[in-house]
Amino acid sequence: MRFQWLKKYQELEEQILFMKWNLNKSKLELDRWVHGDLSNVRLEKNSRSSHLEESIATIEQELEMLENEKIELLELIDSFSGADNQIVKLKYIDDMDVYDIADATGYSVSYIRKRHTEIRKTLSFVDEYEARREERLKKQEEMDYYSADQDQLSLF
């Protein structure tokens, strides 16, 4: 399948976002148990909450692996030649518009539009990714909100 690398990149982006969200949520929960409203509540030995620190360490390791995989994939993508690969990378990974892509590649705006239209016909999975964009943005905003407010102890 053509441009399979783009699909893999998009999947990695979503996995990384989810792992960051999960890590943030787990750290907030740990903070509640240590310093917050749950600090006086006794934990059961085998409860999920009693293993939060180990879970956080595991999530951080998985996140680091995904980030490294993303870096390796970007290095591979940068090695690809051809105008179509370049256009797809600049559009869907670097998030450039057709005018910026034309400036970066030296092709005309009309050529970039034409090639992108042709490429887009073969990339049905891009539509699904774009449809989930708002959901990803909401998760990112939620993480930013809770990360910015260190005094916030509740997840609700």
N, C-alpha and C. Protein backbone atom coordinates (compact mmCIF):
# COMPACT_ATOMS: atom_id res chain seq x y z
N MET A 1 0.84 -1.19 0.00
CA MET A 1 0.00 0.00 0.00
C MET A 1 0.88 1.25 0.00
N ARG A 2 0.55 2.15 -0.88
CA ARG A 2 1.30 3.40 -0.98
C ARG A 2 1.09 4.25 0.25
N PHE A 3 2.14 4.90 0.68
CA PHE A 3 2.10 5.80 1.84
C PHE A 3 1.70 5.10 3.14
N GLN A 4 2.07 3.83 3.25
CA GLN A 4 1.82 3.09 4.49
C GLN A 4 2.53 3.76 5.66
N TRP A 5 3.65 4.40 5.37
CA TRP A 5 4.42 5.10 6.41
C TRP A 5 3.60 6.21 7.06
N LEU A 6 2.73 6.85 6.28
CA LEU A 6 1.90 7.91 6.84
C LEU A 6 0.90 7.34 7.84
N LYS A 7 0.31 6.22 7.47
CA LYS A 7 -0.64 5.57 8.38
C LYS A 7 0.06 5.17 9.68
N LYS A 8 1.25 4.61 9.58
CA LYS A 8 2.01 4.22 10.77
C LYS A 8 2.33 5.45 11.62
N TYR A 9 2.71 6.54 10.97
CA TYR A 9 3.02 7.77 11.70
C TYR A 9 1.78 8.28 12.45
N GLN A 10 0.65 8.27 11.78
CA GLN A 10 -0.59 8.74 12.41
C GLN A 10 -0.97 7.86 13.59
N GLU A 11 -0.80 6.55 13.46
CA GLU A 11 -1.08 5.65 14.56
C GLU A 11 -0.15 5.92 15.74
N LEU A 12 1.13 6.16 15.45
CA LEU A 12 2.09 6.49 16.51
C LEU A 12 1.70 7.78 17.22
N GLU A 13 1.31 8.78 16.46
CA GLU A 13 0.89 10.06 17.05
C GLU A 13 -0.27 9.85 18.03
N GLU A 14 -1.24 9.04 17.62
CA GLU A 14 -2.39 8.80 18.48
C GLU A 14 -2.01 7.99 19.72
N GLN A 15 -1.13 7.00 19.54
CA GLN A 15 -0.68 6.21 20.69
C GLN A 15 0.08 7.08 21.68
N ILE A 16 0.94 7.94 21.17
CA ILE A 16 1.72 8.83 22.04
C ILE A 16 0.80 9.77 22.79
N LEU A 17 -0.17 10.34 22.10
CA LEU A 17 -1.12 11.24 22.76
C LEU A 17 -1.88 10.51 23.87
N PHE A 18 -2.34 9.30 23.57
CA PHE A 18 -3.06 8.53 24.59
C PHE A 18 -2.16 8.22 25.78
N MET A 19 -0.92 7.83 25.52
CA MET A 19 0.00 7.50 26.61
C MET A 19 0.28 8.74 27.47
N LYS A 20 0.43 9.89 26.84
CA LYS A 20 0.65 11.13 27.61
C LYS A 20 -0.57 11.45 28.46
N TRP A 21 -1.75 11.26 27.88
CA TRP A 21 -2.98 11.51 28.61
C TRP A 21 -3.10 10.55 29.80
N ASN A 22 -2.80 9.28 29.57
CA ASN A 22 -2.87 8.26 30.61
C ASN A 22 -1.84 8.55 31.71
N LEU A 23 -0.65 8.96 31.32
CA LEU A 23 0.39 9.30 32.29
C LEU A 23 -0.04 10.49 33.15
N ASN A 24 -0.56 11.50 32.50
CA ASN A 24 -1.03 12.68 33.22
C ASN A 24 -2.14 12.32 34.21
N LYS A 25 -3.08 11.53 33.76
CA LYS A 25 -4.19 11.09 34.60
C LYS A 25 -3.68 10.29 35.80
N SER A 26 -2.74 9.40 35.56
CA SER A 26 -2.18 8.58 36.64
C SER A 26 -1.40 9.41 37.64
N LYS A 27 -0.66 10.39 37.16
CA LYS A 27 0.09 11.27 38.07
C LYS A 27 -0.85 12.11 38.93
N LEU A 28 -1.93 12.58 38.32
CA LEU A 28 -2.92 13.34 39.09
C LEU A 28 -3.56 12.47 40.17
N GLU A 29 -3.86 11.23 39.81
CA GLU A 29 -4.46 10.32 40.78
C GLU A 29 -3.48 10.03 41.92
N LEU A 30 -2.22 9.80 41.58
CA LEU A 30 -1.20 9.56 42.61
C LEU A 30 -1.09 10.76 43.55
N ASP A 31 -1.12 11.95 42.97
CA ASP A 31 -1.05 13.17 43.78
C ASP A 31 -2.23 13.25 44.74
N ARG A 32 -3.40 12.84 44.29
CA ARG A 32 -4.57 12.83 45.17
C ARG A 32 -4.37 11.87 46.34
N TRP A 33 -3.78 10.71 46.06
CA TRP A 33 -3.57 9.72 47.12
C TRP A 33 -2.48 10.16 48.09
N VAL A 34 -1.48 10.87 47.61
CA VAL A 34 -0.35 11.26 48.46
C VAL A 34 -0.63 12.56 49.20
N HIS A 35 -1.13 13.58 48.48
CA HIS A 35 -1.27 14.91 49.09
C HIS A 35 -2.70 15.43 49.14
N GLY A 36 -3.60 14.79 48.47
CA GLY A 36 -4.93 15.36 48.29
C GLY A 36 -5.99 14.79 49.19
N ASP A 37 -7.19 14.81 48.67
CA ASP A 37 -8.36 14.43 49.43
C ASP A 37 -8.39 12.94 49.79
N LEU A 38 -7.57 12.14 49.15
CA LEU A 38 -7.56 10.70 49.44
C LEU A 38 -6.39 10.28 50.33
N SER A 39 -5.63 11.25 50.81
CA SER A 39 -4.41 10.93 51.57
C SER A 39 -4.70 10.18 52.88
N ASN A 40 -5.89 10.33 53.42
CA ASN A 40 -6.23 9.65 54.67
C ASN A 40 -6.98 8.34 54.45
N VAL A 41 -7.19 7.97 53.21
CA VAL A 41 -7.91 6.74 52.89
C VAL A 41 -6.91 5.59 52.83
N ARG A 42 -7.27 4.49 53.44
CA ARG A 42 -6.38 3.32 53.46
C ARG A 42 -6.52 2.54 52.16
N LEU A 43 -5.39 2.14 51.60
CA LEU A 43 -5.38 1.38 50.35
C LEU A 43 -5.38 -0.12 50.61
N GLU A 44 -6.07 -0.84 49.78
CA GLU A 44 -6.01 -2.30 49.81
C GLU A 44 -4.73 -2.74 49.11
N LYS A 45 -4.17 -3.85 49.55
CA LYS A 45 -2.89 -4.31 49.03
C LYS A 45 -2.90 -4.53 47.51
N ASN A 46 -3.93 -5.12 46.99
CA ASN A 46 -3.97 -5.46 45.56
C ASN A 46 -4.79 -4.48 44.73
N SER A 47 -5.10 -3.33 45.26
CA SER A 47 -5.90 -2.37 44.51
C SER A 47 -5.04 -1.69 43.43
N ARG A 48 -5.71 -1.17 42.43
CA ARG A 48 -5.03 -0.46 41.34
C ARG A 48 -4.23 0.71 41.88
N SER A 49 -4.81 1.41 42.83
CA SER A 49 -4.17 2.60 43.38
C SER A 49 -2.88 2.30 44.12
N SER A 50 -2.79 1.11 44.70
CA SER A 50 -1.57 0.77 45.44
C SER A 50 -0.39 0.52 44.49
N HIS A 51 -0.67 0.36 43.23
CA HIS A 51 0.39 0.10 42.24
C HIS A 51 0.58 1.27 41.28
N LEU A 52 0.10 2.43 41.64
CA LEU A 52 0.17 3.59 40.74
C LEU A 52 1.59 3.96 40.36
N GLU A 53 2.51 3.94 41.31
CA GLU A 53 3.89 4.33 40.99
C GLU A 53 4.51 3.39 39.97
N GLU A 54 4.25 2.07 40.11
CA GLU A 54 4.76 1.12 39.12
C GLU A 54 4.10 1.35 37.76
N SER A 55 2.80 1.63 37.79
CA SER A 55 2.08 1.89 36.54
C SER A 55 2.64 3.12 35.84
N ILE A 56 2.93 4.15 36.60
CA ILE A 56 3.49 5.37 36.02
C ILE A 56 4.84 5.09 35.39
N ALA A 57 5.68 4.31 36.06
CA ALA A 57 7.00 3.96 35.50
C ALA A 57 6.84 3.17 34.21
N THR A 58 5.90 2.25 34.18
CA THR A 58 5.65 1.45 32.97
C THR A 58 5.17 2.33 31.83
N ILE A 59 4.25 3.22 32.12
CA ILE A 59 3.73 4.13 31.10
C ILE A 59 4.85 5.01 30.56
N GLU A 60 5.71 5.51 31.45
CA GLU A 60 6.83 6.35 31.01
C GLU A 60 7.78 5.58 30.10
N GLN A 61 8.03 4.31 30.40
CA GLN A 61 8.89 3.49 29.55
C GLN A 61 8.25 3.27 28.18
N GLU A 62 6.97 2.94 28.17
CA GLU A 62 6.26 2.73 26.91
C GLU A 62 6.23 4.01 26.08
N LEU A 63 6.02 5.13 26.75
CA LEU A 63 6.00 6.42 26.06
C LEU A 63 7.36 6.72 25.43
N GLU A 64 8.42 6.44 26.16
CA GLU A 64 9.77 6.67 25.63
C GLU A 64 10.03 5.78 24.41
N MET A 65 9.57 4.53 24.47
CA MET A 65 9.73 3.63 23.32
C MET A 65 8.97 4.17 22.10
N LEU A 66 7.75 4.63 22.32
CA LEU A 66 6.96 5.17 21.21
C LEU A 66 7.61 6.43 20.63
N GLU A 67 8.12 7.29 21.50
CA GLU A 67 8.79 8.51 21.03
C GLU A 67 10.02 8.16 20.20
N ASN A 68 10.79 7.16 20.63
CA ASN A 68 11.96 6.72 19.87
C ASN A 68 11.55 6.12 18.52
N GLU A 69 10.47 5.35 18.53
CA GLU A 69 9.96 4.78 17.29
C GLU A 69 9.53 5.89 16.32
N LYS A 70 8.92 6.92 16.86
CA LYS A 70 8.50 8.06 16.03
C LYS A 70 9.71 8.76 15.42
N ILE A 71 10.76 8.96 16.21
CA ILE A 71 11.99 9.60 15.71
C ILE A 71 12.60 8.76 14.59
N GLU A 72 12.67 7.44 14.79
CA GLU A 72 13.22 6.56 13.77
C GLU A 72 12.38 6.61 12.49
N LEU A 73 11.06 6.61 12.65
CA LEU A 73 10.18 6.67 11.49
C LEU A 73 10.35 8.00 10.75
N LEU A 74 10.48 9.10 11.47
CA LEU A 74 10.69 10.40 10.82
C LEU A 74 12.01 10.42 10.05
N GLU A 75 13.05 9.79 10.60
CA GLU A 75 14.33 9.71 9.89
C GLU A 75 14.17 8.91 8.61
N LEU A 76 13.41 7.82 8.68
CA LEU A 76 13.15 7.01 7.49
C LEU A 76 12.36 7.82 6.46
N ILE A 77 11.32 8.50 6.90
CA ILE A 77 10.48 9.30 6.01
C ILE A 77 11.31 10.38 5.33
N ASP A 78 12.20 11.02 6.07
CA ASP A 78 13.05 12.07 5.49
C ASP A 78 13.97 11.53 4.41
N SER A 79 14.24 10.23 4.43
CA SER A 79 15.12 9.65 3.41
C SER A 79 14.39 9.33 2.11
N PHE A 80 13.06 9.37 2.12
CA PHE A 80 12.29 9.05 0.92
C PHE A 80 12.44 10.15 -0.12
N SER A 81 12.49 9.74 -1.38
CA SER A 81 12.58 10.72 -2.46
C SER A 81 11.26 10.76 -3.21
N GLY A 82 11.14 11.69 -4.12
CA GLY A 82 9.94 11.81 -4.93
C GLY A 82 9.04 12.93 -4.45
N ALA A 83 8.45 13.61 -5.40
CA ALA A 83 7.60 14.76 -5.09
C ALA A 83 6.38 14.36 -4.26
N ASP A 84 5.77 13.22 -4.58
CA ASP A 84 4.57 12.81 -3.85
C ASP A 84 4.87 12.56 -2.38
N ASN A 85 5.96 11.85 -2.10
CA ASN A 85 6.35 11.61 -0.71
C ASN A 85 6.61 12.92 0.02
N GLN A 86 7.28 13.82 -0.67
CA GLN A 86 7.61 15.12 -0.07
C GLN A 86 6.33 15.91 0.23
N ILE A 87 5.42 15.93 -0.70
CA ILE A 87 4.15 16.65 -0.52
C ILE A 87 3.36 16.07 0.65
N VAL A 88 3.26 14.75 0.70
CA VAL A 88 2.50 14.09 1.78
C VAL A 88 3.14 14.38 3.13
N LYS A 89 4.47 14.30 3.20
CA LYS A 89 5.16 14.57 4.47
C LYS A 89 4.92 16.00 4.92
N LEU A 90 5.10 16.94 4.01
CA LEU A 90 4.94 18.35 4.38
C LEU A 90 3.49 18.67 4.77
N LYS A 91 2.55 18.04 4.10
CA LYS A 91 1.13 18.31 4.37
C LYS A 91 0.66 17.66 5.67
N TYR A 92 0.93 16.38 5.84
CA TYR A 92 0.31 15.63 6.94
C TYR A 92 1.20 15.44 8.16
N ILE A 93 2.49 15.64 8.02
CA ILE A 93 3.37 15.52 9.18
C ILE A 93 3.82 16.89 9.64
N ASP A 94 4.26 17.73 8.70
CA ASP A 94 4.72 19.07 9.05
C ASP A 94 3.57 20.08 9.11
N ASP A 95 2.37 19.65 8.69
CA ASP A 95 1.14 20.45 8.78
C ASP A 95 1.24 21.77 8.01
N MET A 96 1.79 21.70 6.81
CA MET A 96 1.93 22.89 5.97
C MET A 96 0.74 23.00 5.01
N ASP A 97 0.43 24.22 4.60
CA ASP A 97 -0.59 24.39 3.57
C ASP A 97 0.08 24.36 2.19
N VAL A 98 -0.73 24.39 1.14
CA VAL A 98 -0.18 24.24 -0.22
C VAL A 98 0.79 25.37 -0.58
N TYR A 99 0.57 26.55 -0.06
CA TYR A 99 1.46 27.68 -0.37
C TYR A 99 2.84 27.46 0.26
N ASP A 100 2.85 27.02 1.51
CA ASP A 100 4.12 26.75 2.18
C ASP A 100 4.84 25.57 1.52
N ILE A 101 4.07 24.56 1.11
CA ILE A 101 4.67 23.40 0.44
C ILE A 101 5.30 23.84 -0.88
N ALA A 102 4.60 24.71 -1.61
CA ALA A 102 5.14 25.22 -2.88
C ALA A 102 6.45 25.97 -2.63
N ASP A 103 6.48 26.80 -1.60
CA ASP A 103 7.72 27.53 -1.26
C ASP A 103 8.85 26.57 -0.90
N ALA A 104 8.52 25.56 -0.11
CA ALA A 104 9.55 24.63 0.37
C ALA A 104 10.09 23.73 -0.74
N THR A 105 9.25 23.39 -1.70
CA THR A 105 9.67 22.43 -2.73
C THR A 105 10.10 23.08 -4.03
N GLY A 106 9.68 24.31 -4.25
CA GLY A 106 10.00 24.97 -5.51
C GLY A 106 9.00 24.68 -6.62
N TYR A 107 7.99 23.88 -6.32
CA TYR A 107 6.93 23.62 -7.30
C TYR A 107 5.89 24.74 -7.21
N SER A 108 5.08 24.85 -8.25
CA SER A 108 4.03 25.87 -8.24
C SER A 108 2.88 25.42 -7.34
N VAL A 109 2.11 26.39 -6.88
CA VAL A 109 0.96 26.10 -6.03
C VAL A 109 -0.04 25.23 -6.79
N SER A 110 -0.25 25.50 -8.06
CA SER A 110 -1.20 24.70 -8.84
C SER A 110 -0.73 23.25 -8.97
N TYR A 111 0.58 23.04 -9.13
CA TYR A 111 1.11 21.68 -9.21
C TYR A 111 0.90 20.96 -7.88
N ILE A 112 1.17 21.64 -6.78
CA ILE A 112 0.99 21.03 -5.46
C ILE A 112 -0.47 20.66 -5.24
N ARG A 113 -1.38 21.56 -5.60
CA ARG A 113 -2.82 21.26 -5.47
C ARG A 113 -3.21 20.04 -6.30
N LYS A 114 -2.74 20.01 -7.53
CA LYS A 114 -3.08 18.91 -8.43
C LYS A 114 -2.55 17.59 -7.88
N ARG A 115 -1.28 17.56 -7.48
CA ARG A 115 -0.68 16.33 -6.95
C ARG A 115 -1.38 15.92 -5.65
N HIS A 116 -1.67 16.89 -4.80
CA HIS A 116 -2.33 16.57 -3.53
C HIS A 116 -3.71 15.98 -3.77
N THR A 117 -4.44 16.52 -4.72
CA THR A 117 -5.76 15.99 -5.06
C THR A 117 -5.66 14.55 -5.53
N GLU A 118 -4.69 14.27 -6.38
CA GLU A 118 -4.49 12.91 -6.88
C GLU A 118 -4.07 11.96 -5.75
N ILE A 119 -3.18 12.43 -4.92
CA ILE A 119 -2.70 11.61 -3.80
C ILE A 119 -3.85 11.33 -2.84
N ARG A 120 -4.63 12.34 -2.56
CA ARG A 120 -5.72 12.25 -1.59
C ARG A 120 -6.73 11.17 -1.97
N LYS A 121 -6.90 10.95 -3.26
CA LYS A 121 -7.83 9.92 -3.73
C LYS A 121 -7.40 8.53 -3.27
N THR A 122 -6.10 8.33 -3.08
CA THR A 122 -5.59 7.02 -2.67
C THR A 122 -5.45 6.88 -1.16
N LEU A 123 -5.66 7.95 -0.43
CA LEU A 123 -5.43 7.95 1.01
C LEU A 123 -6.75 7.99 1.79
N SER A 124 -7.52 6.94 1.71
CA SER A 124 -8.81 6.93 2.41
C SER A 124 -8.64 7.01 3.93
N PHE A 125 -7.55 6.47 4.45
CA PHE A 125 -7.35 6.47 5.90
C PHE A 125 -7.10 7.86 6.44
N VAL A 126 -6.70 8.81 5.60
CA VAL A 126 -6.46 10.18 6.05
C VAL A 126 -7.77 10.81 6.51
N ASP A 127 -8.86 10.49 5.83
CA ASP A 127 -10.16 11.03 6.22
C ASP A 127 -10.53 10.61 7.64
N GLU A 128 -10.27 9.34 7.98
CA GLU A 128 -10.56 8.85 9.33
C GLU A 128 -9.70 9.58 10.36
N TYR A 129 -8.43 9.78 10.03
CA TYR A 129 -7.51 10.46 10.93
C TYR A 129 -7.95 11.90 11.15
N GLU A 130 -8.32 12.57 10.09
CA GLU A 130 -8.78 13.96 10.19
C GLU A 130 -10.07 14.04 11.00
N ALA A 131 -10.93 13.03 10.87
CA ALA A 131 -12.19 13.03 11.61
C ALA A 131 -11.95 12.92 13.12
N ARG A 132 -10.87 12.26 13.51
CA ARG A 132 -10.54 12.11 14.94
C ARG A 132 -9.70 13.27 15.45
N ARG A 133 -9.40 14.23 14.61
CA ARG A 133 -8.54 15.36 14.99
C ARG A 133 -9.10 16.14 16.19
N GLU A 134 -10.40 16.40 16.17
CA GLU A 134 -11.00 17.17 17.25
C GLU A 134 -10.90 16.42 18.58
N GLU A 135 -11.08 15.11 18.53
CA GLU A 135 -10.95 14.31 19.74
C GLU A 135 -9.52 14.39 20.30
N ARG A 136 -8.53 14.34 19.42
CA ARG A 136 -7.14 14.45 19.85
C ARG A 136 -6.86 15.82 20.44
N LEU A 137 -7.40 16.86 19.83
CA LEU A 137 -7.20 18.21 20.34
C LEU A 137 -7.82 18.38 21.73
N LYS A 138 -8.99 17.78 21.94
CA LYS A 138 -9.64 17.85 23.26
C LYS A 138 -8.77 17.18 24.32
N LYS A 139 -8.21 16.02 23.98
CA LYS A 139 -7.34 15.32 24.94
C LYS A 139 -6.12 16.17 25.26
N GLN A 140 -5.55 16.78 24.23
CA GLN A 140 -4.36 17.61 24.44
C GLN A 140 -4.70 18.82 25.32
N GLU A 141 -5.84 19.45 25.07
CA GLU A 141 -6.25 20.59 25.88
C GLU A 141 -6.49 20.17 27.33
N GLU A 142 -7.09 19.00 27.52
CA GLU A 142 -7.33 18.50 28.87
C GLU A 142 -6.01 18.26 29.59
N MET A 143 -5.05 17.67 28.90
CA MET A 143 -3.74 17.43 29.52
C MET A 143 -3.06 18.75 29.86
N ASP A 144 -3.13 19.70 28.95
CA ASP A 144 -2.51 21.01 29.19
C ASP A 144 -3.16 21.70 30.39
N TYR A 145 -4.48 21.60 30.48
CA TYR A 145 -5.20 22.24 31.58
C TYR A 145 -4.77 21.66 32.92
N TYR A 146 -4.77 20.34 33.03
CA TYR A 146 -4.42 19.71 34.30
C TYR A 146 -2.94 19.82 34.61
N SER A 147 -2.10 19.85 33.60
CA SER A 147 -0.67 20.00 33.83
C SER A 147 -0.33 21.41 34.28
N ALA A 148 -1.05 22.39 33.79
CA ALA A 148 -0.76 23.79 34.11
C ALA A 148 -1.18 24.13 35.53
N ASP A 149 -2.21 23.50 36.02
CA ASP A 149 -2.74 23.81 37.35
C ASP A 149 -2.29 22.75 38.34
N GLN A 150 -1.13 22.96 38.94
CA GLN A 150 -0.56 21.98 39.86
C GLN A 150 -1.38 21.85 41.14
N ASP A 151 -2.19 22.85 41.46
CA ASP A 151 -3.01 22.78 42.66
C ASP A 151 -4.27 21.95 42.44
N GLN A 152 -4.56 21.65 41.19
CA GLN A 152 -5.74 20.88 40.85
C GLN A 152 -5.54 19.43 41.29
N LEU A 153 -6.38 18.94 42.17
CA LEU A 153 -6.21 17.59 42.68
C LEU A 153 -7.28 16.64 42.19
N SER A 154 -8.34 17.14 41.67
CA SER A 154 -9.43 16.29 41.24
C SER A 154 -9.38 16.09 39.73
N LEU A 155 -9.75 14.91 39.29
CA LEU A 155 -9.83 14.65 37.86
C LEU A 155 -11.16 15.10 37.29
N PHE A 156 -12.06 15.54 38.15
CA PHE A 156 -13.40 15.91 37.69
C PHE A 156 -13.66 17.37 37.85
